Amino acid sequence: MERRHHSVRTTAVLLLAVVVVGSIGTGATGAVGAVDQRQQPTGDEIIDRVEQRYESADTIAGRAVLTTTNASETTTANVSFAVADPESSRLVVERGDETYRSGTNGSVTWTVGPAGAFVWDADSAPPSDQRLGPGDDDALAWTVPTDGNGLDNVSATLAGTTEVDGVPAYELELRPTSDDDTDAATTLWVAQEDYRVLRAETTDGTNTTTVDVTETFFDVSIDESTFQPPEDRLTAWSFDRYDDFGAAQNATDIDLPSLDGGTFSEATVTVQQGETVVSQRYDLDGENVTVVSTTSDRFRGEAANASTVQVAGQNASVTDFGDRSAVFWTEDDVTTVVIVDGSTERAVEIAERVST
């Protein structure tokens, strides 16, 4: 059975089942009971009732605990969410001493975190390489839904019944109905009495994220200001993507470099509070190379483990982070960053092939 339509209200809560990144966590408490198919609804019927429960509410608010685990660490965050028509939602993630807030009011989407505050048109998407929340190396990542597709193309199977924190629950196994080759799987626990989502766990075979929904409030009063971007921290942001080098160059005053021998893939041009960041992507004999040009001073300075090298006769710095390495230098108030999937030696070698 395929589902292709439901509102942002359902997605906002069930995003906790699919908003993941991270790792391997623990499952639900309580043993799974045998299912008598003659008496129990099917998995798809339960999902339909969950959708109806959330769709019928004018507003929804709640709290949850998000736990992600991998082979080396476990991260826990407190999450609060609020959803109301028209297409308005807000998500707050608190992890340690860091707080991330994100939301949409149907017109604009916004996010605020330690890295700054951003706002963009709700009909467009932020660039994939823009750091809006916890970094790529963290066990926690998050998003706020702006459309209703959390259960699209999903089939549900009733695996059994159990209890979650003393509440009788159905345990559902959700699987994508598409032909995509993926190990991703989600288990959902739903209250038998009123079809509230109690718990969700998503895994890709290696990583798992578990969400325990501790409170859910239906039809509560939510002030419209909840979904407005924080004006005192708002940073204007424009973003455009180009699949042609010349078009990208025409969109900025920065003299863009190119990668000798590389095949241009695409470029993004982001302007934030008067500062420009241009990110070009190249294919170099099967290698992915990113060349960033920016007027922002956030990219300047030395990384903690950076070493000084020479690139095209000028001083530069090189550093590694995980399986990737970066070379960066500043000239005429423009910083260039070359990022490769490989060693620092390879990064320097490729940086030598970047020129204006």
Protein backbone atom coordinates (compact mmCIF):
# COMPACT_ATOMS: atom_id res chain seq x y z
CA MET A 1 0.00 0.00 0.00
CA GLU A 2 1.38 3.40 -0.92
CA ARG A 3 0.67 6.68 0.85
CA ARG A 4 1.04 9.88 -1.13
CA HIS A 5 -0.84 12.53 0.77
CA HIS A 6 -1.00 13.73 4.34
CA SER A 7 -0.35 17.06 6.00
CA VAL A 8 2.62 18.59 7.73
CA ARG A 9 1.03 17.74 11.09
CA THR A 10 1.62 14.04 10.64
CA THR A 11 5.06 14.59 9.18
CA ALA A 12 6.14 16.85 12.03
CA VAL A 13 5.64 14.09 14.55
CA LEU A 14 6.68 11.18 12.39
CA LEU A 15 9.77 13.10 11.31
CA LEU A 16 11.08 11.80 14.62
CA ALA A 17 11.08 8.39 12.97
CA VAL A 18 12.94 9.46 9.86
CA VAL A 19 14.94 12.55 10.81
CA VAL A 20 17.97 10.59 11.70
CA VAL A 21 21.48 10.10 11.51
CA GLY A 22 23.21 8.21 13.82
CA SER A 23 23.71 4.73 14.96
CA ILE A 24 22.86 1.70 16.97
CA GLY A 25 20.50 2.11 19.90
CA THR A 26 18.29 0.04 22.16
CA GLY A 27 14.83 -1.17 21.25
CA ALA A 28 11.51 -0.86 23.02
CA THR A 29 10.91 -2.05 26.53
CA GLY A 30 8.67 -5.02 27.04
CA ALA A 31 8.34 -8.25 25.12
CA VAL A 32 6.55 -8.41 21.80
CA GLY A 33 3.37 -10.47 22.03
CA ALA A 34 1.97 -12.78 19.43
CA VAL A 35 -0.39 -11.15 16.97
CA ASP A 36 -3.84 -12.60 16.41
CA GLN A 37 -4.58 -11.34 12.91
CA ARG A 38 -8.28 -12.09 13.37
CA GLN A 39 -8.56 -9.49 16.13
CA GLN A 40 -5.83 -6.97 15.40
CA PRO A 41 -5.86 -4.28 12.68
CA THR A 42 -3.24 -4.57 9.95
CA GLY A 43 -0.14 -2.39 9.96
CA ASP A 44 -1.47 -0.22 7.16
CA GLU A 45 -4.78 0.21 8.99
CA ILE A 46 -2.92 1.36 12.11
CA ILE A 47 -0.90 3.88 10.11
CA ASP A 48 -4.10 5.18 8.55
CA ARG A 49 -5.56 5.70 12.03
CA VAL A 50 -2.37 7.44 13.18
CA GLU A 51 -2.66 9.79 10.22
CA GLN A 52 -6.33 10.46 10.97
CA ARG A 53 -5.49 11.15 14.63
CA TYR A 54 -2.90 13.77 13.75
CA GLU A 55 -4.72 15.13 10.71
CA SER A 56 -7.84 15.88 12.73
CA ALA A 57 -5.96 18.08 15.22
CA ASP A 58 -5.74 21.82 14.59
CA THR A 59 -2.44 22.00 16.46
CA ILE A 60 0.05 19.53 17.91
CA ALA A 61 2.85 20.10 20.41
CA GLY A 62 5.07 17.77 22.31
CA ARG A 63 8.43 16.69 23.65
CA ALA A 64 10.74 13.80 22.93
CA VAL A 65 14.15 12.39 23.78
CA LEU A 66 16.38 11.61 20.80
CA THR A 67 19.19 9.08 21.32
CA THR A 68 21.79 8.21 18.70
CA THR A 69 24.55 5.67 19.11
CA ASN A 70 27.40 4.35 17.04
CA ALA A 71 30.31 2.06 17.76
CA SER A 72 32.16 4.79 19.63
CA GLU A 73 29.60 7.09 21.24
CA THR A 74 26.04 7.71 22.35
CA THR A 75 24.43 11.14 22.09
CA THR A 76 21.20 12.24 23.75
CA ALA A 77 19.16 15.34 22.97
CA ASN A 78 15.90 16.80 24.22
CA VAL A 79 13.48 17.75 21.47
CA SER A 80 10.34 19.88 21.51
CA PHE A 81 8.04 20.38 18.53
CA ALA A 82 4.98 22.43 17.63
CA VAL A 83 2.86 22.24 14.48
CA ALA A 84 -0.10 24.28 13.23
CA ASP A 85 -1.73 25.27 9.97
CA PRO A 86 -0.95 26.74 7.54
CA GLU A 87 2.18 24.63 7.11
CA SER A 88 3.77 25.99 10.27
CA SER A 89 6.16 24.02 12.44
CA ARG A 90 8.99 24.53 14.90
CA LEU A 91 11.61 22.15 16.26
CA VAL A 92 14.00 22.80 19.16
CA VAL A 93 16.92 20.45 19.85
CA GLU A 94 18.91 20.80 23.07
CA ARG A 95 22.09 18.78 23.36
CA GLY A 96 24.45 19.53 26.20
CA ASP A 97 25.07 23.27 26.20
CA GLU A 98 24.05 23.64 22.53
CA THR A 99 20.58 24.61 21.35
CA TYR A 100 19.32 24.45 17.76
CA ARG A 101 16.01 25.98 16.71
CA SER A 102 14.41 25.63 13.31
CA GLY A 103 10.98 26.30 11.88
CA THR A 104 8.78 27.47 9.07
CA ASN A 105 5.69 29.66 8.88
CA GLY A 106 4.80 28.72 5.33
CA SER A 107 6.55 31.77 3.89
CA VAL A 108 10.09 31.43 5.21
CA THR A 109 12.12 28.69 6.82
CA TRP A 110 14.65 29.56 9.49
CA THR A 111 17.26 27.98 11.69
CA VAL A 112 19.32 29.27 14.61
CA GLY A 113 22.29 27.54 16.19
CA PRO A 114 25.81 28.12 17.46
CA ALA A 115 26.97 28.68 13.87
CA GLY A 116 24.55 31.57 13.37
CA ALA A 117 21.03 32.31 12.20
CA PHE A 118 19.69 31.81 8.69
CA VAL A 119 16.43 32.34 6.83
CA TRP A 120 15.37 31.36 3.32
CA ASP A 121 12.25 31.16 1.21
CA ALA A 122 10.06 28.22 2.24
CA ASP A 123 9.70 27.13 -1.38
CA SER A 124 13.45 26.60 -1.78
CA ALA A 125 15.94 24.35 -0.06
CA PRO A 126 19.15 25.34 1.72
CA PRO A 127 22.40 24.23 0.07
CA SER A 128 23.36 20.71 1.06
CA ASP A 129 26.80 21.86 2.22
CA GLN A 130 25.50 24.67 4.44
CA ARG A 131 26.14 23.89 8.09
CA LEU A 132 22.81 24.58 9.77
CA GLY A 133 23.01 22.24 12.69
CA PRO A 134 25.38 19.75 14.27
CA GLY A 135 28.32 18.97 12.03
CA ASP A 136 28.69 16.03 9.70
CA ASP A 137 30.96 14.32 12.19
CA ASP A 138 28.37 14.38 14.98
CA ALA A 139 26.02 11.55 15.85
CA LEU A 140 23.06 13.92 15.82
CA ALA A 141 21.44 15.66 12.88
CA TRP A 142 17.97 17.08 12.38
CA THR A 143 15.62 18.90 10.09
CA VAL A 144 12.21 20.53 10.03
CA PRO A 145 9.65 19.27 7.49
CA THR A 146 8.19 21.78 5.06
CA ASP A 147 6.06 19.28 3.18
CA GLY A 148 4.04 16.20 3.99
CA ASN A 149 5.98 13.24 2.73
CA GLY A 150 7.19 11.45 5.84
CA LEU A 151 5.17 8.30 5.06
CA ASP A 152 5.11 8.45 1.28
CA ASN A 153 5.83 5.12 -0.35
CA VAL A 154 5.94 3.25 2.97
CA SER A 155 4.37 -0.08 3.86
CA ALA A 156 3.62 -1.06 7.46
CA THR A 157 3.56 -4.52 9.03
CA LEU A 158 2.19 -5.25 12.48
CA ALA A 159 4.99 -7.11 14.26
CA GLY A 160 3.23 -7.52 17.59
CA THR A 161 1.99 -5.78 20.72
CA THR A 162 3.97 -4.59 23.72
CA GLU A 163 4.08 -1.80 26.31
CA VAL A 164 6.06 1.43 26.15
CA ASP A 165 6.40 3.05 29.56
CA GLY A 166 3.30 1.18 30.69
CA VAL A 167 1.18 2.15 27.68
CA PRO A 168 -0.19 -0.75 25.55
CA ALA A 169 1.24 -0.31 22.07
CA TYR A 170 1.31 -1.74 18.57
CA GLU A 171 4.76 -2.40 17.16
CA LEU A 172 5.00 -1.65 13.44
CA GLU A 173 7.76 -2.34 10.95
CA LEU A 174 7.91 0.33 8.23
CA ARG A 175 9.63 -0.38 4.93
CA PRO A 176 9.96 1.70 1.77
CA THR A 177 7.93 0.41 -1.17
CA SER A 178 10.35 1.88 -3.72
CA ASP A 179 12.87 -0.24 -5.56
CA ASP A 180 15.80 1.61 -4.00
CA ASP A 181 18.49 -0.70 -2.65
CA THR A 182 18.57 0.37 0.97
CA ASP A 183 18.99 -1.21 4.37
CA ALA A 184 17.02 1.57 6.05
CA ALA A 185 14.26 0.35 8.34
CA THR A 186 12.00 2.03 10.86
CA THR A 187 10.11 0.54 13.76
CA LEU A 188 7.21 2.53 15.17
CA TRP A 189 5.36 2.04 18.45
CA VAL A 190 1.79 3.41 18.51
CA ALA A 191 -0.57 3.66 21.49
CA GLN A 192 -3.43 1.17 21.10
CA GLU A 193 -5.95 3.45 22.80
CA ASP A 194 -5.59 6.69 20.84
CA TYR A 195 -2.98 6.01 18.11
CA ARG A 196 -0.37 8.41 19.48
CA VAL A 197 3.21 7.82 18.37
CA LEU A 198 5.13 6.65 21.44
CA ARG A 199 8.48 5.64 20.07
CA ALA A 200 10.35 5.39 16.78
CA GLU A 201 13.61 3.71 15.91
CA THR A 202 15.37 3.97 12.56
CA THR A 203 18.43 2.02 11.41
CA ASP A 204 20.38 1.72 8.20
CA GLY A 205 22.00 -1.54 9.24
CA THR A 206 24.91 0.24 10.88
CA ASN A 207 23.47 3.30 12.60
CA THR A 208 20.29 3.70 14.63
CA THR A 209 18.38 6.62 16.13
CA THR A 210 15.72 6.11 18.79
CA VAL A 211 13.07 8.70 19.61
CA ASP A 212 10.94 8.45 22.75
CA VAL A 213 7.96 10.82 22.55
CA THR A 214 7.40 11.73 26.18
CA GLU A 215 4.46 14.15 25.72
CA THR A 216 1.96 14.88 22.97
CA PHE A 217 -0.67 17.63 23.17
CA PHE A 218 -3.48 17.92 20.62
CA ASP A 219 -5.51 21.07 19.90
CA VAL A 220 -3.58 23.30 22.28
CA SER A 221 -3.27 27.06 21.85
CA ILE A 222 -0.01 27.98 20.06
CA ASP A 223 0.85 31.63 19.50
CA GLU A 224 1.75 32.58 15.92
CA SER A 225 5.04 34.06 17.15
CA THR A 226 6.19 30.49 17.81
CA PHE A 227 6.74 30.02 14.08
CA GLN A 228 8.39 33.37 13.34
CA PRO A 229 12.15 33.69 12.83
CA PRO A 230 13.97 35.48 15.68
CA GLU A 231 14.32 39.01 14.32
CA ASP A 232 17.13 39.98 16.65
CA ARG A 233 19.33 37.21 15.26
CA LEU A 234 18.10 37.02 11.69
CA THR A 235 20.68 36.84 8.94
CA ALA A 236 19.54 37.38 5.36
CA TRP A 237 20.47 34.51 3.11
CA SER A 238 20.24 34.05 -0.62
CA PHE A 239 21.19 30.85 -2.39
CA ASP A 240 21.42 29.81 -6.03
CA ARG A 241 22.71 26.69 -7.78
CA TYR A 242 24.32 26.64 -11.24
CA ASP A 243 25.27 23.79 -13.54
CA ASP A 244 27.50 25.97 -15.71
CA PHE A 245 30.78 27.60 -14.65
CA GLY A 246 30.12 30.76 -16.67
CA ALA A 247 26.71 31.24 -15.09
CA ALA A 248 28.22 30.88 -11.63
CA GLN A 249 30.93 33.39 -12.47
CA ASN A 250 28.34 35.87 -13.72
CA ALA A 251 26.48 35.55 -10.41
CA THR A 252 29.38 36.81 -8.26
CA ASP A 253 32.08 39.47 -8.21
CA ILE A 254 34.66 36.95 -6.99
CA ASP A 255 37.08 35.81 -9.69
CA LEU A 256 36.36 32.11 -9.51
CA PRO A 257 39.21 29.63 -9.88
CA SER A 258 38.89 26.45 -11.91
CA LEU A 259 40.39 23.00 -11.53
CA ASP A 260 42.74 22.08 -14.37
CA GLY A 261 41.81 18.66 -15.71
CA GLY A 262 38.64 18.46 -13.64
CA THR A 263 35.09 18.24 -14.97
CA PHE A 264 32.82 20.95 -13.57
CA SER A 265 29.69 19.49 -11.95
CA GLU A 266 27.85 22.36 -10.26
CA ALA A 267 28.32 25.47 -8.14
CA THR A 268 26.33 27.07 -5.36
CA VAL A 269 26.48 30.79 -4.62
CA THR A 270 25.41 31.78 -1.12
CA VAL A 271 25.23 35.37 0.15
CA GLN A 272 24.84 35.89 3.86
CA GLN A 273 24.93 39.33 5.44
CA GLY A 274 26.99 40.69 2.58
CA GLU A 275 29.47 37.81 2.59
CA THR A 276 29.69 35.45 -0.37
CA VAL A 277 30.48 31.74 -0.41
CA VAL A 278 30.86 29.99 -3.78
CA SER A 279 31.22 26.23 -3.67
CA GLN A 280 32.22 24.45 -6.89
CA ARG A 281 32.17 20.70 -7.35
CA TYR A 282 34.43 18.87 -9.79
CA ASP A 283 35.06 15.31 -10.91
CA LEU A 284 38.77 14.62 -11.30
CA ASP A 285 39.24 11.16 -12.79
CA GLY A 286 36.59 9.75 -10.46
CA GLU A 287 37.63 11.84 -7.44
CA ASN A 288 35.22 14.34 -5.90
CA VAL A 289 36.84 17.74 -5.40
CA THR A 290 35.21 20.82 -3.87
CA VAL A 291 36.66 24.28 -4.45
CA VAL A 292 35.29 27.01 -2.17
CA SER A 293 35.84 30.74 -2.71
CA THR A 294 34.64 33.15 -0.05
CA THR A 295 34.93 36.68 1.28
CA SER A 296 33.93 35.50 4.75
CA ASP A 297 36.60 35.59 7.43
CA ARG A 298 35.02 32.53 9.07
CA PHE A 299 37.16 30.43 6.73
CA ARG A 300 40.38 32.16 7.68
CA GLY A 301 42.85 31.38 10.42
CA GLU A 302 44.63 28.17 11.25
CA ALA A 303 42.95 24.88 12.03
CA ALA A 304 44.19 23.18 15.18
CA ASN A 305 46.21 20.55 13.32
CA ALA A 306 47.02 22.53 10.17
CA SER A 307 50.48 22.56 8.61
CA THR A 308 51.98 25.27 6.42
CA VAL A 309 52.64 24.33 2.80
CA GLN A 310 53.41 26.06 -0.48
CA VAL A 311 50.78 26.15 -3.21
CA ALA A 312 51.68 27.87 -6.48
CA GLY A 313 54.44 29.79 -4.70
CA GLN A 314 52.33 31.15 -1.85
CA ASN A 315 51.80 30.14 1.75
CA ALA A 316 48.81 27.91 2.44
CA SER A 317 47.59 25.61 5.18
CA VAL A 318 46.61 21.96 4.96
CA THR A 319 44.63 19.88 7.43
CA ASP A 320 42.72 16.60 7.52
CA PHE A 321 39.37 15.70 9.06
CA GLY A 322 38.51 12.04 8.99
CA ASP A 323 38.91 10.67 5.48
CA ARG A 324 39.00 14.13 3.90
CA SER A 325 41.64 16.84 3.66
CA ALA A 326 41.59 20.55 2.89
CA VAL A 327 44.07 23.15 1.68
CA PHE A 328 43.23 26.83 2.18
CA TRP A 329 44.82 30.19 1.56
CA THR A 330 43.77 33.86 1.40
CA GLU A 331 44.66 36.34 -1.32
CA ASP A 332 43.14 39.79 -1.91
CA ASP A 333 40.55 39.19 0.84
CA VAL A 334 39.26 36.03 -0.85
CA THR A 335 39.87 32.68 0.81
CA THR A 336 40.13 29.56 -1.36
CA VAL A 337 39.53 26.13 0.14
CA VAL A 338 40.21 22.90 -1.77
CA ILE A 339 38.59 19.81 -0.24
CA VAL A 340 39.35 16.26 -1.38
CA ASP A 341 38.51 12.72 -0.30
CA GLY A 342 42.01 11.62 0.56
CA SER A 343 45.32 12.47 2.20
CA THR A 344 46.81 15.90 2.84
CA GLU A 345 49.48 15.11 0.25
CA ARG A 346 46.77 14.50 -2.35
CA ALA A 347 45.00 17.70 -1.32
CA VAL A 348 48.15 19.76 -1.89
CA GLU A 349 48.72 18.04 -5.23
CA ILE A 350 45.21 18.90 -6.42
CA ALA A 351 45.39 22.44 -5.00
CA GLU A 352 48.36 23.05 -7.30
CA ARG A 353 45.95 22.54 -10.21
CA VAL A 354 43.53 25.25 -9.08
CA SER A 355 43.96 28.57 -10.86
CA THR A 356 42.00 31.67 -11.89
